[in-house]
C-alpha atoms as a PDB file:
ATOM      1  CA  MET A   1     -18.239 -36.620 128.951  1.00  0.00           C
ATOM      2  CA  ASP A   2     -19.236 -35.333 125.464  1.00  0.00           C
ATOM      3  CA  ARG A   3     -15.941 -33.978 125.134  1.00  0.00           C
ATOM      4  CA  GLU A   4     -13.448 -35.479 122.353  1.00  0.00           C
ATOM      5  CA  GLN A   5     -10.429 -37.205 123.980  1.00  0.00           C
ATOM      6  CA  GLU A   6      -7.986 -34.776 122.259  1.00  0.00           C
ATOM      7  CA  GLU A   7      -9.635 -32.202 124.277  1.00  0.00           C
ATOM      8  CA  LEU A   8      -9.121 -33.501 127.626  1.00  0.00           C
ATOM      9  CA  GLN A   9      -5.799 -33.166 127.854  1.00  0.00           C
ATOM     10  CA  PHE A  10      -6.220 -28.911 127.839  1.00  0.00           C
ATOM     11  CA  LEU A  11      -8.280 -29.572 130.753  1.00  0.00           C
ATOM     12  CA  GLY A  12      -6.676 -27.866 133.959  1.00  0.00           C
ATOM     13  CA  PHE A  13      -7.296 -27.344 137.379  1.00  0.00           C
ATOM     14  CA  PHE A  14     -10.857 -25.807 137.051  1.00  0.00           C
ATOM     15  CA  GLY A  15     -11.507 -27.571 134.067  1.00  0.00           C
ATOM     16  CA  ILE A  16     -11.399 -31.099 135.872  1.00  0.00           C
ATOM     17  CA  PHE A  17     -13.567 -29.581 138.732  1.00  0.00           C
ATOM     18  CA  LYS A  18     -16.088 -28.242 136.258  1.00  0.00           C
ATOM     19  CA  GLU A  19     -16.162 -31.717 134.254  1.00  0.00           C
ATOM     20  CA  SER A  20     -16.642 -33.700 137.303  1.00  0.00           C
ATOM     21  CA  PHE A  21     -19.331 -31.462 138.655  1.00  0.00           C
ATOM     22  CA  LYS A  22     -20.890 -31.494 134.954  1.00  0.00           C
ATOM     23  CA  ILE A  23     -21.160 -35.654 135.177  1.00  0.00           C
ATOM     24  CA  ILE A  24     -22.611 -35.867 138.537  1.00  0.00           C
ATOM     25  CA  LEU A  25     -25.385 -33.268 137.601  1.00  0.00           C
ATOM     26  CA  THR A  26     -26.008 -34.469 134.376  1.00  0.00           C
ATOM     27  CA  TRP A  27     -25.918 -38.154 135.804  1.00  0.00           C
ATOM     28  CA  ARG A  28     -27.802 -37.118 138.999  1.00  0.00           C
ATOM     29  CA  LYS A  29     -30.224 -40.233 139.415  1.00  0.00           C
ATOM     30  CA  ILE A  30     -27.874 -42.836 138.840  1.00  0.00           C
ATOM     31  CA  PHE A  31     -25.208 -41.477 141.225  1.00  0.00           C
ATOM     32  CA  SER A  32     -27.725 -40.926 143.652  1.00  0.00           C
ATOM     33  CA  LYS A  33     -28.662 -44.649 143.576  1.00  0.00           C
ATOM     34  CA  ILE A  34     -24.704 -45.474 144.026  1.00  0.00           C
ATOM     35  CA  THR A  35     -24.571 -42.923 146.545  1.00  0.00           C
ATOM     36  CA  LEU A  36     -27.495 -44.427 148.872  1.00  0.00           C
ATOM     37  CA  ALA A  37     -26.200 -48.171 148.194  1.00  0.00           C
ATOM     38  CA  LEU A  38     -22.561 -47.737 148.738  1.00  0.00           C
ATOM     39  CA  ILE A  39     -21.140 -43.760 149.420  1.00  0.00           C
ATOM     40  CA  LEU A  40     -23.732 -43.414 152.203  1.00  0.00           C
ATOM     41  CA  PRO A  41     -22.877 -46.215 154.293  1.00  0.00           C
ATOM     42  CA  LEU A  42     -19.298 -45.452 153.910  1.00  0.00           C
ATOM     43  CA  SER A  43     -19.658 -42.131 155.110  1.00  0.00           C
ATOM     44  CA  PHE A  44     -21.938 -43.409 158.297  1.00  0.00           C
ATOM     45  CA  ILE A  45     -19.416 -46.055 158.831  1.00  0.00           C
ATOM     46  CA  PHE A  46     -16.448 -43.270 158.941  1.00  0.00           C
ATOM     47  CA  LEU A  47     -18.303 -41.215 161.331  1.00  0.00           C
ATOM     48  CA  ALA A  48     -19.586 -43.529 163.495  1.00  0.00           C
ATOM     49  CA  HIS A  49     -16.289 -45.044 164.018  1.00  0.00           C
ATOM     50  CA  MET A  50     -15.059 -41.733 165.227  1.00  0.00           C
ATOM     51  CA  GLN A  51     -17.768 -41.179 167.932  1.00  0.00           C
ATOM     52  CA  ILE A  52     -17.697 -44.939 168.943  1.00  0.00           C
ATOM     53  CA  SER A  53     -13.979 -45.203 169.385  1.00  0.00           C
ATOM     54  CA  GLN A  54     -13.856 -41.892 171.172  1.00  0.00           C
ATOM     55  CA  MET A  55     -16.604 -43.223 173.795  1.00  0.00           C
ATOM     56  CA  ILE A  56     -14.414 -46.515 174.324  1.00  0.00           C
ATOM     57  CA  PHE A  57     -11.139 -44.834 174.572  1.00  0.00           C
ATOM     58  CA  PHE A  58     -12.360 -42.050 176.954  1.00  0.00           C
ATOM     59  CA  LYS A  59     -14.233 -44.900 179.137  1.00  0.00           C
ATOM     60  CA  ILE A  60     -10.785 -46.973 179.355  1.00  0.00           C
ATOM     61  CA  LEU A  61      -9.039 -43.766 180.050  1.00  0.00           C
ATOM     62  CA  ASP A  62     -11.679 -42.921 182.958  1.00  0.00           C
ATOM     63  CA  ASN A  63     -11.219 -46.830 184.630  1.00  0.00           C
ATOM     64  CA  GLN A  64      -7.647 -46.535 184.108  1.00  0.00           C
ATOM     65  CA  ASP A  65      -7.691 -43.320 186.385  1.00  0.00           C
ATOM     66  CA  THR A  66      -9.938 -44.941 188.546  1.00  0.00           C
ATOM     67  CA  LEU A  67      -7.260 -48.204 188.928  1.00  0.00           C
ATOM     68  CA  ASP A  68      -4.363 -45.704 189.567  1.00  0.00           C
ATOM     69  CA  PHE A  69      -5.884 -44.596 192.753  1.00  0.00           C
ATOM     70  CA  THR A  70      -7.165 -48.129 193.908  1.00  0.00           C
ATOM     71  CA  GLN A  71      -4.895 -50.278 196.238  1.00  0.00           C
ATOM     72  CA  SER A  72      -3.614 -52.914 194.024  1.00  0.00           C
ATOM     73  CA  GLY A  73      -4.615 -56.833 195.308  1.00  0.00           C
ATOM     74  CA  THR A  74      -8.107 -55.526 196.428  1.00  0.00           C
ATOM     75  CA  PRO A  75     -11.040 -57.171 194.604  1.00  0.00           C
ATOM     76  CA  LYS A  76     -12.106 -53.667 193.482  1.00  0.00           C
ATOM     77  CA  HIS A  77      -8.473 -53.462 191.444  1.00  0.00           C
ATOM     78  CA  ASP A  78      -8.787 -56.652 190.000  1.00  0.00           C
ATOM     79  CA  LYS A  79     -12.257 -56.107 188.737  1.00  0.00           C
ATOM     80  CA  LEU A  80     -11.162 -52.895 187.451  1.00  0.00           C
ATOM     81  CA  SER A  81      -8.145 -54.323 185.826  1.00  0.00           C
ATOM     82  CA  ASP A  82     -10.333 -57.219 183.923  1.00  0.00           C
ATOM     83  CA  THR A  83     -12.904 -54.636 182.875  1.00  0.00           C
ATOM     84  CA  ILE A  84      -9.960 -52.361 181.141  1.00  0.00           C
ATOM     85  CA  SER A  85      -8.814 -55.664 179.762  1.00  0.00           C
ATOM     86  CA  ALA A  86     -12.039 -56.371 178.332  1.00  0.00           C
ATOM     87  CA  GLU A  87     -12.412 -52.687 177.138  1.00  0.00           C
ATOM     88  CA  TRP A  88      -9.402 -52.899 175.313  1.00  0.00           C
ATOM     89  CA  THR A  89      -9.899 -56.212 173.641  1.00  0.00           C
ATOM     90  CA  ALA A  90     -13.800 -54.588 172.508  1.00  0.00           C
ATOM     91  CA  PHE A  91     -11.756 -51.548 171.239  1.00  0.00           C
ATOM     92  CA  TRP A  92      -9.313 -53.547 169.048  1.00  0.00           C
ATOM     93  CA  LEU A  93     -11.974 -55.659 167.492  1.00  0.00           C
ATOM     94  CA  PHE A  94     -14.210 -52.560 167.053  1.00  0.00           C
ATOM     95  CA  LYS A  95     -11.111 -51.129 165.150  1.00  0.00           C
ATOM     96  CA  PHE A  96     -10.550 -54.553 162.954  1.00  0.00           C
ATOM     97  CA  ALA A  97     -14.181 -54.602 161.964  1.00  0.00           C
ATOM     98  CA  TYR A  98     -14.329 -50.804 161.104  1.00  0.00           C
ATOM     99  CA  PHE A  99     -11.414 -51.377 158.621  1.00  0.00           C
ATOM    100  CA  THR A 100     -12.745 -54.361 157.342  1.00  0.00           C
ATOM    101  CA  PHE A 101     -16.077 -52.622 156.325  1.00  0.00           C
ATOM    102  CA  LEU A 102     -14.429 -49.217 155.640  1.00  0.00           C
ATOM    103  CA  LEU A 103     -12.440 -51.086 152.801  1.00  0.00           C
ATOM    104  CA  ILE A 104     -15.020 -53.125 151.575  1.00  0.00           C
ATOM    105  CA  PHE A 105     -17.195 -50.110 150.878  1.00  0.00           C
ATOM    106  CA  SER A 106     -14.272 -48.000 149.587  1.00  0.00           C
ATOM    107  CA  LEU A 107     -13.441 -50.408 146.933  1.00  0.00           C
ATOM    108  CA  LEU A 108     -17.136 -51.332 145.932  1.00  0.00           C
ATOM    109  CA  SER A 109     -17.845 -47.213 145.666  1.00  0.00           C
ATOM    110  CA  THR A 110     -14.796 -47.050 143.685  1.00  0.00           C
ATOM    111  CA  SER A 111     -15.728 -49.955 141.200  1.00  0.00           C
ATOM    112  CA  ALA A 112     -19.333 -48.681 140.910  1.00  0.00           C
ATOM    113  CA  VAL A 113     -18.033 -44.803 139.860  1.00  0.00           C
ATOM    114  CA  VAL A 114     -15.463 -45.801 137.689  1.00  0.00           C
ATOM    115  CA  TYR A 115     -17.368 -48.208 135.900  1.00  0.00           C
ATOM    116  CA  THR A 116     -20.241 -45.886 135.495  1.00  0.00           C
ATOM    117  CA  ILE A 117     -18.131 -42.917 134.276  1.00  0.00           C
ATOM    118  CA  ALA A 118     -16.857 -45.623 131.280  1.00  0.00           C
ATOM    119  CA  CYS A 119     -20.192 -46.192 130.411  1.00  0.00           C
ATOM    120  CA  ILE A 120     -21.037 -42.745 130.315  1.00  0.00           C
ATOM    121  CA  TYR A 121     -17.777 -42.134 128.341  1.00  0.00           C
ATOM    122  CA  THR A 122     -18.795 -44.576 125.684  1.00  0.00           C
ATOM    123  CA  ALA A 123     -22.515 -43.375 125.478  1.00  0.00           C
ATOM    124  CA  LYS A 124     -23.555 -46.654 126.910  1.00  0.00           C
ATOM    125  CA  PRO A 125     -27.084 -47.423 128.112  1.00  0.00           C
ATOM    126  CA  ILE A 126     -26.452 -48.035 132.073  1.00  0.00           C
ATOM    127  CA  THR A 127     -28.658 -49.210 134.776  1.00  0.00           C
ATOM    128  CA  PHE A 128     -27.983 -49.431 138.629  1.00  0.00           C
ATOM    129  CA  LYS A 129     -28.678 -53.070 138.391  1.00  0.00           C
ATOM    130  CA  LYS A 130     -26.216 -53.306 135.952  1.00  0.00           C
ATOM    131  CA  ILE A 131     -23.818 -51.506 138.013  1.00  0.00           C
ATOM    132  CA  MET A 132     -24.058 -53.657 141.040  1.00  0.00           C
ATOM    133  CA  SER A 133     -23.703 -56.768 138.821  1.00  0.00           C
ATOM    134  CA  VAL A 134     -20.436 -55.789 137.593  1.00  0.00           C
ATOM    135  CA  VAL A 135     -19.158 -53.996 140.802  1.00  0.00           C
ATOM    136  CA  PRO A 136     -18.354 -57.282 142.955  1.00  0.00           C
ATOM    137  CA  LYS A 137     -16.012 -58.529 139.907  1.00  0.00           C
ATOM    138  CA  VAL A 138     -14.327 -55.362 139.525  1.00  0.00           C
ATOM    139  CA  TRP A 139     -13.812 -55.221 143.191  1.00  0.00           C
ATOM    140  CA  LYS A 140     -11.456 -58.268 143.529  1.00  0.00           C
ATOM    141  CA  ARG A 141      -8.742 -56.453 141.011  1.00  0.00           C
ATOM    142  CA  LEU A 142      -9.086 -53.262 143.120  1.00  0.00           C
ATOM    143  CA  MET A 143      -8.437 -55.283 146.415  1.00  0.00           C
ATOM    144  CA  VAL A 144      -5.160 -56.902 144.793  1.00  0.00           C
ATOM    145  CA  THR A 145      -4.041 -52.992 144.011  1.00  0.00           C
ATOM    146  CA  PHE A 146      -4.890 -51.871 147.294  1.00  0.00           C
ATOM    147  CA  ILE A 147      -2.720 -54.566 149.306  1.00  0.00           C
ATOM    148  CA  TRP A 148       0.291 -53.743 146.939  1.00  0.00           C
ATOM    149  CA  SER A 149      -0.352 -49.904 147.695  1.00  0.00           C
ATOM    150  CA  PHE A 150      -0.639 -50.592 151.420  1.00  0.00           C
ATOM    151  CA  ALA A 151       2.847 -52.797 151.363  1.00  0.00           C
ATOM    152  CA  VAL A 152       4.048 -49.736 149.836  1.00  0.00           C
ATOM    153  CA  VAL A 153       2.972 -47.557 152.534  1.00  0.00           C
ATOM    154  CA  VAL A 154       4.135 -49.671 155.106  1.00  0.00           C
ATOM    155  CA  LEU A 155       7.807 -49.775 153.546  1.00  0.00           C
ATOM    156  CA  TYR A 156       7.732 -46.102 153.158  1.00  0.00           C
ATOM    157  CA  ASN A 157       7.280 -45.566 156.769  1.00  0.00           C
ATOM    158  CA  ILE A 158       9.647 -48.116 157.970  1.00  0.00           C
ATOM    159  CA  VAL A 159      12.390 -46.406 155.736  1.00  0.00           C
ATOM    160  CA  SER A 160      11.319 -42.954 156.528  1.00  0.00           C
ATOM    161  CA  ILE A 161      11.614 -43.875 160.431  1.00  0.00           C
ATOM    162  CA  VAL A 162      14.979 -45.346 160.010  1.00  0.00           C
ATOM    163  CA  VAL A 163      16.349 -42.272 158.199  1.00  0.00           C
ATOM    164  CA  LEU A 164      14.683 -39.937 160.735  1.00  0.00           C
ATOM    165  CA  ILE A 165      16.488 -41.792 163.773  1.00  0.00           C
ATOM    166  CA  ILE A 166      19.596 -41.617 162.146  1.00  0.00           C
ATOM    167  CA  LEU A 167      19.461 -38.041 161.319  1.00  0.00           C
ATOM    168  CA  SER A 168      18.179 -37.370 164.614  1.00  0.00           C
ATOM    169  CA  PHE A 169      21.357 -39.109 166.151  1.00  0.00           C
ATOM    170  CA  THR A 170      23.471 -37.192 163.816  1.00  0.00           C
ATOM    171  CA  LEU A 171      21.863 -33.721 164.562  1.00  0.00           C
ATOM    172  CA  ILE A 172      22.138 -34.105 168.249  1.00  0.00           C
ATOM    173  CA  ASN A 173      25.832 -35.130 168.099  1.00  0.00           C
ATOM    174  CA  HIS A 174      27.088 -32.334 165.393  1.00  0.00           C
ATOM    175  CA  VAL A 175      24.874 -29.538 165.371  1.00  0.00           C
ATOM    176  CA  PRO A 176      24.561 -27.805 168.600  1.00  0.00           C
ATOM    177  CA  ALA A 177      22.011 -25.203 167.684  1.00  0.00           C
ATOM    178  CA  ALA A 178      18.539 -26.066 168.590  1.00  0.00           C
ATOM    179  CA  GLY A 179      16.862 -23.587 166.032  1.00  0.00           C
ATOM    180  CA  PHE A 180      18.744 -25.482 163.401  1.00  0.00           C
ATOM    181  CA  ARG A 181      17.498 -28.976 164.486  1.00  0.00           C
ATOM    182  CA  ILE A 182      14.011 -27.882 164.704  1.00  0.00           C
ATOM    183  CA  LEU A 183      14.046 -26.190 161.063  1.00  0.00           C
ATOM    184  CA  PHE A 184      15.647 -29.703 159.983  1.00  0.00           C
ATOM    185  CA  LEU A 185      12.974 -31.792 161.229  1.00  0.00           C
ATOM    186  CA  VAL A 186      10.449 -29.531 159.558  1.00  0.00           C
ATOM    187  CA  VAL A 187      11.937 -30.088 156.553  1.00  0.00           C
ATOM    188  CA  LEU A 188      12.074 -33.732 156.980  1.00  0.00           C
ATOM    189  CA  VAL A 189       8.140 -33.670 158.005  1.00  0.00           C
ATOM    190  CA  ILE A 190       7.116 -31.648 154.454  1.00  0.00           C
ATOM    191  CA  LEU A 191       9.636 -33.997 152.530  1.00  0.00           C
ATOM    192  CA  TYR A 192       7.778 -37.165 154.262  1.00  0.00           C
ATOM    193  CA  SER A 193       4.321 -35.546 153.744  1.00  0.00           C
ATOM    194  CA  ALA A 194       5.223 -34.927 150.055  1.00  0.00           C
ATOM    195  CA  GLY A 195       6.126 -38.604 149.682  1.00  0.00           C
ATOM    196  CA  LEU A 196       3.118 -39.984 151.355  1.00  0.00           C
ATOM    197  CA  LEU A 197       1.071 -37.372 149.035  1.00  0.00           C
ATOM    198  CA  TYR A 198       2.685 -38.885 145.866  1.00  0.00           C
ATOM    199  CA  ILE A 199       1.976 -42.637 146.897  1.00  0.00           C
ATOM    200  CA  THR A 200      -1.820 -41.684 147.561  1.00  0.00           C
ATOM    201  CA  ILE A 201      -2.166 -40.046 144.257  1.00  0.00           C
ATOM    202  CA  VAL A 202      -0.358 -43.036 142.487  1.00  0.00           C
ATOM    203  CA  TRP A 203      -2.742 -45.485 144.228  1.00  0.00           C
ATOM    204  CA  HIS A 204      -5.945 -43.573 143.451  1.00  0.00           C
ATOM    205  CA  LEU A 205      -5.150 -43.454 139.930  1.00  0.00           C
ATOM    206  CA  ALA A 206      -3.872 -47.222 140.268  1.00  0.00           C
ATOM    207  CA  SER A 207      -7.454 -48.043 141.278  1.00  0.00           C
ATOM    208  CA  VAL A 208      -8.884 -46.663 138.077  1.00  0.00           C
ATOM    209  CA  ILE A 209      -6.588 -48.336 136.124  1.00  0.00           C
ATOM    210  CA  SER A 210      -7.263 -51.656 137.892  1.00  0.00           C
ATOM    211  CA  VAL A 211     -11.065 -51.298 136.633  1.00  0.00           C
ATOM    212  CA  LEU A 212     -10.366 -49.831 133.150  1.00  0.00           C
ATOM    213  CA  GLU A 213      -7.367 -51.787 131.704  1.00  0.00           C
ATOM    214  CA  ASP A 214      -5.915 -55.221 132.102  1.00  0.00           C
ATOM    215  CA  PHE A 215      -3.197 -53.938 134.894  1.00  0.00           C
ATOM    216  CA  TYR A 216      -3.946 -54.249 138.562  1.00  0.00           C
ATOM    217  CA  GLY A 217      -1.525 -54.572 141.621  1.00  0.00           C
ATOM    218  CA  ILE A 218       2.071 -53.576 141.225  1.00  0.00           C
ATOM    219  CA  LYS A 219       1.552 -53.172 137.632  1.00  0.00           C
ATOM    220  CA  ALA A 220      -1.200 -50.800 137.967  1.00  0.00           C
ATOM    221  CA  MET A 221       0.559 -48.731 140.526  1.00  0.00           C
ATOM    222  CA  MET A 222       3.556 -48.692 138.049  1.00  0.00           C
ATOM    223  CA  LYS A 223       1.548 -47.584 135.071  1.00  0.00           C
ATOM    224  CA  SER A 224      -0.049 -45.079 137.355  1.00  0.00           C
ATOM    225  CA  ARG A 225       3.553 -43.499 138.045  1.00  0.00           C
ATOM    226  CA  GLU A 226       3.671 -43.233 134.197  1.00  0.00           C
ATOM    227  CA  LEU A 227       0.697 -41.928 133.502  1.00  0.00           C
ATOM    228  CA  ILE A 228       0.586 -39.158 136.410  1.00  0.00           C
ATOM    229  CA  LYS A 229       3.922 -37.585 134.721  1.00  0.00           C
ATOM    230  CA  GLY A 230       3.220 -33.952 133.120  1.00  0.00           C
ATOM    231  CA  LYS A 231       0.105 -33.879 135.081  1.00  0.00           C
ATOM    232  CA  MET A 232       1.769 -34.050 138.665  1.00  0.00           C
ATOM    233  CA  GLY A 233       0.985 -30.376 139.510  1.00  0.00           C
ATOM    234  CA  ILE A 234      -2.598 -30.594 139.147  1.00  0.00           C
ATOM    235  CA  ALA A 235      -3.206 -33.584 140.545  1.00  0.00           C
ATOM    236  CA  VAL A 236      -1.355 -32.251 143.748  1.00  0.00           C
ATOM    237  CA  ALA A 237      -3.747 -29.447 143.799  1.00  0.00           C
ATOM    238  CA  ILE A 238      -6.646 -31.313 143.357  1.00  0.00           C
ATOM    239  CA  PHE A 239      -5.981 -34.096 145.809  1.00  0.00           C
ATOM    240  CA  ILE A 240      -5.251 -31.549 148.445  1.00  0.00           C
ATOM    241  CA  VAL A 241      -8.232 -29.454 147.846  1.00  0.00           C
ATOM    242  CA  VAL A 242     -10.211 -32.648 148.603  1.00  0.00           C
ATOM    243  CA  GLY A 243      -8.115 -33.568 151.303  1.00  0.00           C
ATOM    244  CA  ILE A 244      -8.557 -30.147 152.916  1.00  0.00           C
ATOM    245  CA  CYS A 245     -12.477 -30.850 152.650  1.00  0.00           C
ATOM    246  CA  PHE A 246     -11.995 -34.438 153.862  1.00  0.00           C
ATOM    247  CA  VAL A 247     -10.043 -32.954 156.993  1.00  0.00           C
ATOM    248  CA  GLY A 248     -12.302 -29.758 157.613  1.00  0.00           C
ATOM    249  CA  ILE A 249     -15.445 -32.100 157.895  1.00  0.00           C
ATOM    250  CA  GLN A 250     -13.690 -34.573 160.571  1.00  0.00           C
ATOM    251  CA  PHE A 251     -12.812 -31.407 162.414  1.00  0.00           C
ATOM    252  CA  LEU A 252     -16.234 -30.140 162.323  1.00  0.00           C
ATOM    253  CA  PHE A 253     -17.815 -33.318 163.708  1.00  0.00           C
ATOM    254  CA  GLU A 254     -14.887 -34.053 166.476  1.00  0.00           C
ATOM    255  CA  THR A 255     -15.663 -30.593 167.671  1.00  0.00           C
ATOM    256  CA  PHE A 256     -19.606 -30.617 167.610  1.00  0.00           C
ATOM    257  CA  VAL A 257     -20.412 -33.912 167.837  1.00  0.00           C
ATOM    258  CA  VAL A 258     -17.877 -36.044 169.813  1.00  0.00           C
ATOM    259  CA  LEU A 259     -17.328 -33.405 172.099  1.00  0.00           C
ATOM    260  CA  GLU A 260     -20.043 -32.600 174.965  1.00  0.00           C
ATOM    261  CA  TRP A 261     -22.534 -30.346 173.357  1.00  0.00           C
ATOM    262  CA  THR A 262     -26.158 -30.239 173.642  1.00  0.00           C
ATOM    263  CA  MET A 263     -28.162 -33.131 171.719  1.00  0.00           C
ATOM    264  CA  GLU A 264     -29.915 -30.546 169.210  1.00  0.00           C
ATOM    265  CA  ILE A 265     -26.151 -29.068 167.823  1.00  0.00           C
ATOM    266  CA  ARG A 266     -24.700 -32.536 168.037  1.00  0.00           C
ATOM    267  CA  ILE A 267     -27.615 -34.152 165.898  1.00  0.00           C
ATOM    268  CA  GLY A 268     -27.777 -31.288 163.423  1.00  0.00           C
ATOM    269  CA  MET A 269     -24.043 -30.815 162.848  1.00  0.00           C
ATOM    270  CA  GLY A 270     -23.911 -34.746 162.682  1.00  0.00           C
ATOM    271  CA  LEU A 271     -26.103 -34.634 159.563  1.00  0.00           C
ATOM    272  CA  LEU A 272     -24.649 -31.830 157.943  1.00  0.00           C
ATOM    273  CA  CYS A 273     -21.000 -33.696 158.470  1.00  0.00           C
ATOM    274  CA  LEU A 274     -22.566 -37.190 156.979  1.00  0.00           C
ATOM    275  CA  LEU A 275     -24.190 -34.908 153.919  1.00  0.00           C
ATOM    276  CA  LEU A 276     -20.863 -33.137 153.383  1.00  0.00           C
ATOM    277  CA  LEU A 277     -18.646 -36.305 153.430  1.00  0.00           C
ATOM    278  CA  PHE A 278     -20.671 -38.466 151.114  1.00  0.00           C
ATOM    279  CA  LYS A 279     -20.890 -35.406 148.654  1.00  0.00           C
ATOM    280  CA  VAL A 280     -16.995 -34.989 148.749  1.00  0.00           C
ATOM    281  CA  ILE A 281     -16.542 -39.035 148.588  1.00  0.00           C
ATOM    282  CA  LEU A 282     -18.538 -38.828 145.730  1.00  0.00           C
ATOM    283  CA  PHE A 283     -16.974 -36.175 144.072  1.00  0.00           C
ATOM    284  CA  GLY A 284     -13.453 -37.416 144.695  1.00  0.00           C
ATOM    285  CA  LEU A 285     -14.083 -40.774 142.999  1.00  0.00           C
ATOM    286  CA  VAL A 286     -15.355 -38.852 140.070  1.00  0.00           C
ATOM    287  CA  ILE A 287     -12.572 -36.413 139.832  1.00  0.00           C
ATOM    288  CA  GLN A 288      -9.891 -39.163 140.211  1.00  0.00           C
ATOM    289  CA  THR A 289     -11.537 -40.862 137.067  1.00  0.00           C
ATOM    290  CA  VAL A 290     -11.830 -37.583 134.998  1.00  0.00           C
ATOM    291  CA  LEU A 291      -8.215 -37.161 135.810  1.00  0.00           C
ATOM    292  CA  TYR A 292      -7.214 -40.668 134.361  1.00  0.00           C
ATOM    293  CA  PHE A 293      -8.801 -39.792 130.884  1.00  0.00           C
ATOM    294  CA  VAL A 294      -7.093 -36.222 131.042  1.00  0.00           C
ATOM    295  CA  CYS A 295      -3.560 -38.146 131.514  1.00  0.00           C
ATOM    296  CA  LYS A 296      -4.470 -40.664 128.877  1.00  0.00           C
ATOM    297  CA  SER A 297      -5.194 -37.970 126.328  1.00  0.00           C
ATOM    298  CA  TYR A 298      -2.117 -35.906 127.833  1.00  0.00           C
ATOM    299  CA  HIS A 299      -0.056 -39.142 126.620  1.00  0.00           C
ATOM    300  CA  HIS A 300      -1.720 -39.397 123.518  1.00  0.00           C
ATOM    301  CA  GLU A 301      -3.001 -42.648 124.525  1.00  0.00           C
ATOM    302  CA  ASN A 302      -6.509 -43.006 122.624  1.00  0.00           C
ATOM    303  CA  ILE A 303      -9.385 -45.004 123.998  1.00  0.00           C
ATOM    304  CA  ASP A 304     -11.679 -46.125 121.489  1.00  0.00           C
ATOM    305  CA  LYS A 305     -15.138 -45.717 122.401  1.00  0.00           C
ATOM    306  CA  SER A 306     -16.436 -48.762 120.479  1.00  0.00           C
ATOM    307  CA  SER A 307     -13.906 -50.922 121.566  1.00  0.00           C
ATOM    308  CA  LEU A 308     -14.277 -49.947 125.127  1.00  0.00           C
ATOM    309  CA  SER A 309     -18.308 -50.283 124.975  1.00  0.00           C
ATOM    310  CA  ASP A 310     -17.321 -53.892 123.579  1.00  0.00           C
ATOM    311  CA  HIS A 311     -15.183 -54.841 126.397  1.00  0.00           C
ATOM    312  CA  LEU A 312     -17.710 -53.162 129.126  1.00  0.00           C
ATOM    313  CA  GLU A 313     -20.230 -55.864 127.771  1.00  0.00           C
ATOM    314  CA  VAL A 314     -18.261 -58.995 128.230  1.00  0.00           C
ATOM    315  CA  TYR A 315     -19.345 -60.838 131.333  1.00  0.00           C
ATOM    316  CA  LEU A 316     -19.528 -64.570 130.812  1.00  0.00           C
ATOM    317  CA  GLY A 317     -19.578 -65.162 134.442  1.00  0.00           C
ATOM    318  CA  GLU A 318     -16.492 -62.803 135.164  1.00  0.00           C
ATOM    319  CA  TYR A 319     -15.609 -59.245 134.663  1.00  0.00           C
ATOM    320  CA  ILE A 320     -12.983 -59.241 131.513  1.00  0.00           C
ATOM    321  CA  PRO A 321     -10.692 -56.281 131.710  1.00  0.00           C
ATOM    322  CA  LEU A 322      -9.913 -53.892 128.742  1.00  0.00           C
ATOM    323  CA  LYS A 323      -6.663 -55.159 126.827  1.00  0.00           C
ATOM    324  CA  SER A 324      -4.298 -52.591 126.641  1.00  0.00           C
ATOM    325  CA  LYS A 325      -2.916 -53.829 123.302  1.00  0.00           C
ATOM    326  CA  ASP A 326      -6.555 -53.742 121.697  1.00  0.00           C
ATOM    327  CA  VAL A 327      -7.750 -50.472 123.485  1.00  0.00           C
ATOM    328  CA  GLN A 328      -5.720 -48.459 125.429  1.00  0.00           C
ATOM    329  CA  MET A 329      -2.432 -47.955 123.985  1.00  0.00           C
ATOM    330  CA  GLU A 330      -3.372 -46.774 120.730  1.00  0.00           C
ATOM    331  CA  GLN A 331      -1.357 -43.608 119.807  1.00  0.00           C
ATOM    332  CA  PHE A 332      -3.007 -40.661 118.327  1.00  0.00           C
ATOM    333  CA  GLU A 333      -1.211 -37.529 117.009  1.00  0.00           C
ATOM    334  CA  ALA A 334      -1.546 -34.373 119.178  1.00  0.00           C
END
């Protein structure tokens, strides 16, 4: 990032994409190592989970169909019932293991990419070994932020379900036109999706804040809400584009790998989806960090490069976050 901070505030949708691509290409060697160590396993875990989950679930459905046509009380019925119970146990244990490893590699990848870009921003020499030494310490702060974000999402879904139930009963009792009820429900779904997208954007920006500032958890999310103001439109457009890429890769994998195609097609498309997925994940992590610097510049919150570099050098056995009063909140005139 060779731009002055004052210039970053003027980056728009395409400017942020261009800057992110430039960072990755310029520092492709270090990002390649991060990808091989963290993002590639993350991508493989995600795709493998889709394949294995479908296999287990389809097997359960087949056994359930057989059970429905088997006379109860017979040894075959009891054996099938035990088998289905064991398969459901295996299914949920696999889901738990999947989410655990997905979370670990997601947070580690975020830590590595954000820390790397901070070093690039300060023109600081950086090595892969150095990144991997600090990542586990930054990861703890990201975990707290994730827990708070997860709690917000759960609360948001609970409130949304309650509101949907209340409005549904109201519509059924007071609005006879079926077409109007459907239209109203579609509007509710759009509003729900918009709210979920907003929480997602706040969470991703809060993740960057958790690494680069002395805020984490709910404080990082509150800081993120303030920081995203004025750049919400650009942030929404960026996350929608990245989300579409992610969903598109998932669709390709489910269509050509999970479903029954020839082995050659499944292997070829599987490798293609893996290649596309880790590129999209890397780009998404870089772009959310660039967006952070753009938002900081937009709100005239200067990050002094020398102070930031000094803070990044402090290890003393534990990661020392940047102090906003010393580094992050210094104001400059536009």
